[in-house]
Amino acid sequence: GRLRDECLNETLFGTLGHACAVLSNWKEDYNTVRPHSSLGGRTPSEIARQAGPGHAPDLLAITLTTSHQLITGLYQ
């Protein structure tokens, strides 16, 4: 929502390169400069540094189980 409200709705992109540059700058600002109230006034990059290397939310670590194998096997 913020990306749309703060960047996409406010910018007329002239070229693909311009769009890439603007979006890259917005993402950098959002993740490293702006404090987020939901993160206790810290930036996402500060939270990531505190978590340590290789730390990812559990939802991103999907392990292969028997049920996954069966479902995958149906489409082969």
PDB file of N, CA and C in Angstrom:
ATOM      1  N   GLY A   1       0.799  -1.191   0.000  1.00  0.00           N
ATOM      2  CA  GLY A   1       0.000   0.000   0.000  1.00  0.00           C
ATOM      3  C   GLY A   1       0.850   1.267   0.000  1.00  0.00           C
ATOM      4  N   ARG A   2       1.889   1.271   0.829  1.00  0.00           N
ATOM      5  CA  ARG A   2       2.742   2.464   0.894  1.00  0.00           C
ATOM      6  C   ARG A   2       3.481   2.687  -0.416  1.00  0.00           C
ATOM      7  N   LEU A   3       3.961   1.628  -1.012  1.00  0.00           N
ATOM      8  CA  LEU A   3       4.654   1.760  -2.296  1.00  0.00           C
ATOM      9  C   LEU A   3       3.737   2.411  -3.319  1.00  0.00           C
ATOM     10  N   ARG A   4       2.515   1.957  -3.382  1.00  0.00           N
ATOM     11  CA  ARG A   4       1.557   2.529  -4.329  1.00  0.00           C
ATOM     12  C   ARG A   4       1.254   3.979  -3.990  1.00  0.00           C
ATOM     13  N   ASP A   5       0.946   4.246  -2.721  1.00  0.00           N
ATOM     14  CA  ASP A   5       0.558   5.600  -2.309  1.00  0.00           C
ATOM     15  C   ASP A   5       1.704   6.606  -2.398  1.00  0.00           C
ATOM     16  N   GLU A   6       2.890   6.192  -1.987  1.00  0.00           N
ATOM     17  CA  GLU A   6       4.000   7.132  -1.877  1.00  0.00           C
ATOM     18  C   GLU A   6       4.879   7.207  -3.124  1.00  0.00           C
ATOM     19  N   CYS A   7       4.803   6.210  -3.974  1.00  0.00           N
ATOM     20  CA  CYS A   7       5.729   6.193  -5.112  1.00  0.00           C
ATOM     21  C   CYS A   7       4.985   6.039  -6.444  1.00  0.00           C
ATOM     22  N   LEU A   8       4.258   4.959  -6.597  1.00  0.00           N
ATOM     23  CA  LEU A   8       3.650   4.666  -7.900  1.00  0.00           C
ATOM     24  C   LEU A   8       2.596   5.690  -8.313  1.00  0.00           C
ATOM     25  N   ASN A   9       1.770   6.123  -7.372  1.00  0.00           N
ATOM     26  CA  ASN A   9       0.735   7.106  -7.697  1.00  0.00           C
ATOM     27  C   ASN A   9       1.295   8.506  -7.895  1.00  0.00           C
ATOM     28  N   GLU A  10       2.522   8.743  -7.441  1.00  0.00           N
ATOM     29  CA  GLU A  10       3.111  10.081  -7.472  1.00  0.00           C
ATOM     30  C   GLU A  10       4.123  10.277  -8.600  1.00  0.00           C
ATOM     31  N   THR A  11       4.491   9.214  -9.301  1.00  0.00           N
ATOM     32  CA  THR A  11       5.580   9.299 -10.263  1.00  0.00           C
ATOM     33  C   THR A  11       5.115   8.900 -11.658  1.00  0.00           C
ATOM     34  N   LEU A  12       5.469   9.705 -12.628  1.00  0.00           N
ATOM     35  CA  LEU A  12       5.230   9.366 -14.026  1.00  0.00           C
ATOM     36  C   LEU A  12       6.561   8.857 -14.576  1.00  0.00           C
ATOM     37  N   PHE A  13       6.645   7.573 -14.821  1.00  0.00           N
ATOM     38  CA  PHE A  13       7.877   6.953 -15.269  1.00  0.00           C
ATOM     39  C   PHE A  13       8.039   7.157 -16.772  1.00  0.00           C
ATOM     40  N   GLY A  14       9.210   7.661 -17.176  1.00  0.00           N
ATOM     41  CA  GLY A  14       9.476   7.908 -18.583  1.00  0.00           C
ATOM     42  C   GLY A  14      10.039   6.701 -19.309  1.00  0.00           C
ATOM     43  N   THR A  15      10.868   5.936 -18.596  1.00  0.00           N
ATOM     44  CA  THR A  15      11.493   4.763 -19.194  1.00  0.00           C
ATOM     45  C   THR A  15      11.558   3.657 -18.161  1.00  0.00           C
ATOM     46  N   LEU A  16      11.874   2.470 -18.612  1.00  0.00           N
ATOM     47  CA  LEU A  16      12.046   1.351 -17.688  1.00  0.00           C
ATOM     48  C   LEU A  16      13.211   1.630 -16.743  1.00  0.00           C
ATOM     49  N   GLY A  17      14.279   2.217 -17.257  1.00  0.00           N
ATOM     50  CA  GLY A  17      15.421   2.567 -16.419  1.00  0.00           C
ATOM     51  C   GLY A  17      15.055   3.558 -15.333  1.00  0.00           C
ATOM     52  N   HIS A  18      14.241   4.545 -15.692  1.00  0.00           N
ATOM     53  CA  HIS A  18      13.775   5.527 -14.710  1.00  0.00           C
ATOM     54  C   HIS A  18      12.944   4.839 -13.628  1.00  0.00           C
ATOM     55  N   ALA A  19      12.057   3.939 -14.041  1.00  0.00           N
ATOM     56  CA  ALA A  19      11.223   3.221 -13.075  1.00  0.00           C
ATOM     57  C   ALA A  19      12.098   2.394 -12.128  1.00  0.00           C
ATOM     58  N   CYS A  20      13.096   1.700 -12.673  1.00  0.00           N
ATOM     59  CA  CYS A  20      13.991   0.891 -11.836  1.00  0.00           C
ATOM     60  C   CYS A  20      14.739   1.753 -10.828  1.00  0.00           C
ATOM     61  N   ALA A  21      15.230   2.908 -11.265  1.00  0.00           N
ATOM     62  CA  ALA A  21      15.971   3.795 -10.373  1.00  0.00           C
ATOM     63  C   ALA A  21      15.074   4.340  -9.259  1.00  0.00           C
ATOM     64  N   VAL A  22      13.896   4.802  -9.612  1.00  0.00           N
ATOM     65  CA  VAL A  22      12.975   5.364  -8.616  1.00  0.00           C
ATOM     66  C   VAL A  22      12.566   4.296  -7.609  1.00  0.00           C
ATOM     67  N   LEU A  23      12.229   3.108  -8.085  1.00  0.00           N
ATOM     68  CA  LEU A  23      11.808   2.038  -7.182  1.00  0.00           C
ATOM     69  C   LEU A  23      12.958   1.573  -6.299  1.00  0.00           C
ATOM     70  N   SER A  24      14.155   1.524  -6.836  1.00  0.00           N
ATOM     71  CA  SER A  24      15.317   1.140  -6.042  1.00  0.00           C
ATOM     72  C   SER A  24      15.571   2.158  -4.927  1.00  0.00           C
ATOM     73  N   ASN A  25      15.479   3.435  -5.252  1.00  0.00           N
ATOM     74  CA  ASN A  25      15.668   4.488  -4.248  1.00  0.00           C
ATOM     75  C   ASN A  25      14.589   4.439  -3.181  1.00  0.00           C
ATOM     76  N   TRP A  26      13.349   4.206  -3.582  1.00  0.00           N
ATOM     77  CA  TRP A  26      12.250   4.130  -2.626  1.00  0.00           C
ATOM     78  C   TRP A  26      12.455   2.949  -1.682  1.00  0.00           C
ATOM     79  N   LYS A  27      12.828   1.806  -2.235  1.00  0.00           N
ATOM     80  CA  LYS A  27      13.046   0.614  -1.416  1.00  0.00           C
ATOM     81  C   LYS A  27      14.194   0.829  -0.425  1.00  0.00           C
ATOM     82  N   GLU A  28      15.266   1.423  -0.896  1.00  0.00           N
ATOM     83  CA  GLU A  28      16.414   1.705  -0.022  1.00  0.00           C
ATOM     84  C   GLU A  28      16.003   2.615   1.138  1.00  0.00           C
ATOM     85  N   ASP A  29      15.263   3.669   0.830  1.00  0.00           N
ATOM     86  CA  ASP A  29      14.788   4.591   1.857  1.00  0.00           C
ATOM     87  C   ASP A  29      13.859   3.882   2.841  1.00  0.00           C
ATOM     88  N   TYR A  30      12.920   3.109   2.328  1.00  0.00           N
ATOM     89  CA  TYR A  30      11.925   2.428   3.155  1.00  0.00           C
ATOM     90  C   TYR A  30      12.588   1.428   4.108  1.00  0.00           C
ATOM     91  N   ASN A  31      13.605   0.725   3.631  1.00  0.00           N
ATOM     92  CA  ASN A  31      14.216  -0.332   4.433  1.00  0.00           C
ATOM     93  C   ASN A  31      15.371   0.120   5.318  1.00  0.00           C
ATOM     94  N   THR A  32      16.022   1.241   4.982  1.00  0.00           N
ATOM     95  CA  THR A  32      17.221   1.596   5.745  1.00  0.00           C
ATOM     96  C   THR A  32      17.167   2.958   6.425  1.00  0.00           C
ATOM     97  N   VAL A  33      16.275   3.837   6.000  1.00  0.00           N
ATOM     98  CA  VAL A  33      16.253   5.195   6.545  1.00  0.00           C
ATOM     99  C   VAL A  33      15.061   5.426   7.460  1.00  0.00           C
ATOM    100  N   ARG A  34      13.883   5.040   7.002  1.00  0.00           N
ATOM    101  CA  ARG A  34      12.662   5.365   7.743  1.00  0.00           C
ATOM    102  C   ARG A  34      12.392   4.428   8.906  1.00  0.00           C
ATOM    103  N   PRO A  35      12.187   4.982  10.093  1.00  0.00           N
ATOM    104  CA  PRO A  35      11.788   4.133  11.213  1.00  0.00           C
ATOM    105  C   PRO A  35      10.338   3.680  11.043  1.00  0.00           C
ATOM    106  N   HIS A  36      10.058   2.475  11.467  1.00  0.00           N
ATOM    107  CA  HIS A  36       8.708   1.912  11.371  1.00  0.00           C
ATOM    108  C   HIS A  36       8.133   1.768  12.773  1.00  0.00           C
ATOM    109  N   SER A  37       6.951   2.289  12.985  1.00  0.00           N
ATOM    110  CA  SER A  37       6.337   2.211  14.317  1.00  0.00           C
ATOM    111  C   SER A  37       6.086   0.758  14.706  1.00  0.00           C
ATOM    112  N   SER A  38       5.775  -0.092  13.740  1.00  0.00           N
ATOM    113  CA  SER A  38       5.518  -1.506  14.044  1.00  0.00           C
ATOM    114  C   SER A  38       6.795  -2.238  14.472  1.00  0.00           C
ATOM    115  N   LEU A  39       7.947  -1.635  14.224  1.00  0.00           N
ATOM    116  CA  LEU A  39       9.231  -2.230  14.611  1.00  0.00           C
ATOM    117  C   LEU A  39       9.866  -1.473  15.779  1.00  0.00           C
ATOM    118  N   GLY A  40       9.049  -0.753  16.515  1.00  0.00           N
ATOM    119  CA  GLY A  40       9.545  -0.029  17.679  1.00  0.00           C
ATOM    120  C   GLY A  40      10.433   1.151  17.317  1.00  0.00           C
ATOM    121  N   GLY A  41      10.149   1.786  16.187  1.00  0.00           N
ATOM    122  CA  GLY A  41      10.928   2.943  15.774  1.00  0.00           C
ATOM    123  C   GLY A  41      12.245   2.583  15.094  1.00  0.00           C
ATOM    124  N   ARG A  42      12.423   1.317  14.753  1.00  0.00           N
ATOM    125  CA  ARG A  42      13.637   0.881  14.066  1.00  0.00           C
ATOM    126  C   ARG A  42      13.339   0.627  12.589  1.00  0.00           C
ATOM    127  N   THR A  43      14.391   0.542  11.809  1.00  0.00           N
ATOM    128  CA  THR A  43      14.228   0.250  10.381  1.00  0.00           C
ATOM    129  C   THR A  43      14.299  -1.264  10.173  1.00  0.00           C
ATOM    130  N   PRO A  44      13.743  -1.753   9.067  1.00  0.00           N
ATOM    131  CA  PRO A  44      13.855  -3.184   8.782  1.00  0.00           C
ATOM    132  C   PRO A  44      15.305  -3.670   8.721  1.00  0.00           C
ATOM    133  N   SER A  45      16.212  -2.840   8.213  1.00  0.00           N
ATOM    134  CA  SER A  45      17.610  -3.269   8.148  1.00  0.00           C
ATOM    135  C   SER A  45      18.219  -3.388   9.548  1.00  0.00           C
ATOM    136  N   GLU A  46      17.798  -2.553  10.480  1.00  0.00           N
ATOM    137  CA  GLU A  46      18.280  -2.681  11.864  1.00  0.00           C
ATOM    138  C   GLU A  46      17.798  -3.990  12.470  1.00  0.00           C
ATOM    139  N   ILE A  47      16.564  -4.330  12.226  1.00  0.00           N
ATOM    140  CA  ILE A  47      16.004  -5.586  12.737  1.00  0.00           C
ATOM    141  C   ILE A  47      16.762  -6.764  12.139  1.00  0.00           C
ATOM    142  N   ALA A  48      17.042  -6.713  10.843  1.00  0.00           N
ATOM    143  CA  ALA A  48      17.760  -7.796  10.178  1.00  0.00           C
ATOM    144  C   ALA A  48      19.168  -7.945  10.741  1.00  0.00           C
ATOM    145  N   ARG A  49      19.850  -6.837  11.006  1.00  0.00           N
ATOM    146  CA  ARG A  49      21.202  -6.905  11.576  1.00  0.00           C
ATOM    147  C   ARG A  49      21.182  -7.516  12.970  1.00  0.00           C
ATOM    148  N   GLN A  50      20.173  -7.182  13.761  1.00  0.00           N
ATOM    149  CA  GLN A  50      20.077  -7.712  15.119  1.00  0.00           C
ATOM    150  C   GLN A  50      19.765  -9.204  15.111  1.00  0.00           C
ATOM    151  N   ALA A  51      19.057  -9.669  14.090  1.00  0.00           N
ATOM    152  CA  ALA A  51      18.681 -11.078  14.016  1.00  0.00           C
ATOM    153  C   ALA A  51      19.883 -11.959  13.696  1.00  0.00           C
ATOM    154  N   GLY A  52      20.879 -11.400  13.049  1.00  0.00           N
ATOM    155  CA  GLY A  52      22.078 -12.159  12.717  1.00  0.00           C
ATOM    156  C   GLY A  52      22.008 -12.740  11.318  1.00  0.00           C
ATOM    157  N   PRO A  53      23.137 -13.252  10.854  1.00  0.00           N
ATOM    158  CA  PRO A  53      23.197 -13.783   9.491  1.00  0.00           C
ATOM    159  C   PRO A  53      22.390 -15.068   9.333  1.00  0.00           C
ATOM    160  N   GLY A  54      21.782 -15.203   8.187  1.00  0.00           N
ATOM    161  CA  GLY A  54      21.054 -16.424   7.866  1.00  0.00           C
ATOM    162  C   GLY A  54      19.721 -16.573   8.563  1.00  0.00           C
ATOM    163  N   HIS A  55      19.252 -15.527   9.209  1.00  0.00           N
ATOM    164  CA  HIS A  55      17.991 -15.635   9.932  1.00  0.00           C
ATOM    165  C   HIS A  55      16.841 -15.274   8.998  1.00  0.00           C
ATOM    166  N   ALA A  56      15.882 -16.132   8.897  1.00  0.00           N
ATOM    167  CA  ALA A  56      14.682 -15.877   8.099  1.00  0.00           C
ATOM    168  C   ALA A  56      13.470 -16.358   8.885  1.00  0.00           C
ATOM    169  N   PRO A  57      12.318 -15.753   8.644  1.00  0.00           N
ATOM    170  CA  PRO A  57      11.107 -16.221   9.318  1.00  0.00           C
ATOM    171  C   PRO A  57      10.840 -17.690   9.003  1.00  0.00           C
ATOM    172  N   ASP A  58      10.243 -18.398   9.935  1.00  0.00           N
ATOM    173  CA  ASP A  58       9.965 -19.819   9.752  1.00  0.00           C
ATOM    174  C   ASP A  58       9.118 -20.104   8.519  1.00  0.00           C
ATOM    175  N   LEU A  59       8.238 -19.188   8.158  1.00  0.00           N
ATOM    176  CA  LEU A  59       7.371 -19.432   7.016  1.00  0.00           C
ATOM    177  C   LEU A  59       8.133 -19.542   5.702  1.00  0.00           C
ATOM    178  N   LEU A  60       9.345 -19.022   5.650  1.00  0.00           N
ATOM    179  CA  LEU A  60      10.127 -19.120   4.427  1.00  0.00           C
ATOM    180  C   LEU A  60      10.857 -20.442   4.312  1.00  0.00           C
ATOM    181  N   ALA A  61      10.982 -21.161   5.400  1.00  0.00           N
ATOM    182  CA  ALA A  61      11.691 -22.436   5.385  1.00  0.00           C
ATOM    183  C   ALA A  61      10.678 -23.562   5.228  1.00  0.00           C
ATOM    184  N   ILE A  62      10.420 -23.955   4.001  1.00  0.00           N
ATOM    185  CA  ILE A  62       9.449 -25.015   3.728  1.00  0.00           C
ATOM    186  C   ILE A  62      10.219 -26.319   3.546  1.00  0.00           C
ATOM    187  N   THR A  63       9.895 -27.285   4.357  1.00  0.00           N
ATOM    188  CA  THR A  63      10.578 -28.567   4.253  1.00  0.00           C
ATOM    189  C   THR A  63       9.736 -29.535   3.440  1.00  0.00           C
ATOM    190  N   LEU A  64      10.403 -30.453   2.775  1.00  0.00           N
ATOM    191  CA  LEU A  64       9.723 -31.457   1.967  1.00  0.00           C
ATOM    192  C   LEU A  64       9.168 -32.527   2.887  1.00  0.00           C
ATOM    193  N   THR A  65       7.888 -32.799   2.767  1.00  0.00           N
ATOM    194  CA  THR A  65       7.256 -33.842   3.568  1.00  0.00           C
ATOM    195  C   THR A  65       6.596 -34.836   2.631  1.00  0.00           C
ATOM    196  N   THR A  66       6.135 -35.907   3.193  1.00  0.00           N
ATOM    197  CA  THR A  66       5.478 -36.941   2.387  1.00  0.00           C
ATOM    198  C   THR A  66       4.290 -36.365   1.636  1.00  0.00           C
ATOM    199  N   SER A  67       3.501 -35.508   2.281  1.00  0.00           N
ATOM    200  CA  SER A  67       2.328 -34.947   1.605  1.00  0.00           C
ATOM    201  C   SER A  67       2.729 -34.081   0.429  1.00  0.00           C
ATOM    202  N   HIS A  68       3.850 -33.337   0.562  1.00  0.00           N
ATOM    203  CA  HIS A  68       4.329 -32.547  -0.564  1.00  0.00           C
ATOM    204  C   HIS A  68       4.744 -33.453  -1.711  1.00  0.00           C
ATOM    205  N   GLN A  69       5.385 -34.571  -1.387  1.00  0.00           N
ATOM    206  CA  GLN A  69       5.820 -35.490  -2.421  1.00  0.00           C
ATOM    207  C   GLN A  69       4.628 -36.080  -3.160  1.00  0.00           C
ATOM    208  N   LEU A  70       3.568 -36.405  -2.430  1.00  0.00           N
ATOM    209  CA  LEU A  70       2.391 -36.974  -3.055  1.00  0.00           C
ATOM    210  C   LEU A  70       1.712 -35.971  -3.974  1.00  0.00           C
ATOM    211  N   ILE A  71       1.584 -34.734  -3.521  1.00  0.00           N
ATOM    212  CA  ILE A  71       0.953 -33.700  -4.336  1.00  0.00           C
ATOM    213  C   ILE A  71       1.784 -33.430  -5.577  1.00  0.00           C
ATOM    214  N   THR A  72       3.098 -33.320  -5.414  1.00  0.00           N
ATOM    215  CA  THR A  72       3.977 -33.090  -6.553  1.00  0.00           C
ATOM    216  C   THR A  72       3.883 -34.247  -7.528  1.00  0.00           C
ATOM    217  N   GLY A  73       3.790 -35.467  -7.014  1.00  0.00           N
ATOM    218  CA  GLY A  73       3.716 -36.654  -7.876  1.00  0.00           C
ATOM    219  C   GLY A  73       2.483 -36.697  -8.741  1.00  0.00           C
ATOM    220  N   LEU A  74       1.408 -36.043  -8.320  1.00  0.00           N
ATOM    221  CA  LEU A  74       0.175 -36.032  -9.105  1.00  0.00           C
ATOM    222  C   LEU A  74       0.322 -35.287 -10.410  1.00  0.00           C
ATOM    223  N   TYR A  75       1.236 -34.329 -10.466  1.00  0.00           N
ATOM    224  CA  TYR A  75       1.378 -33.489 -11.645  1.00  0.00           C
ATOM    225  C   TYR A  75       2.533 -33.905 -12.536  1.00  0.00           C
ATOM    226  N   GLN A  76       3.203 -34.989 -12.223  1.00  0.00           N
ATOM    227  CA  GLN A  76       4.341 -35.421 -13.044  1.00  0.00           C
ATOM    228  C   GLN A  76       3.903 -36.351 -14.138  1.00  0.00           C
TER     229      GLN A  76
END
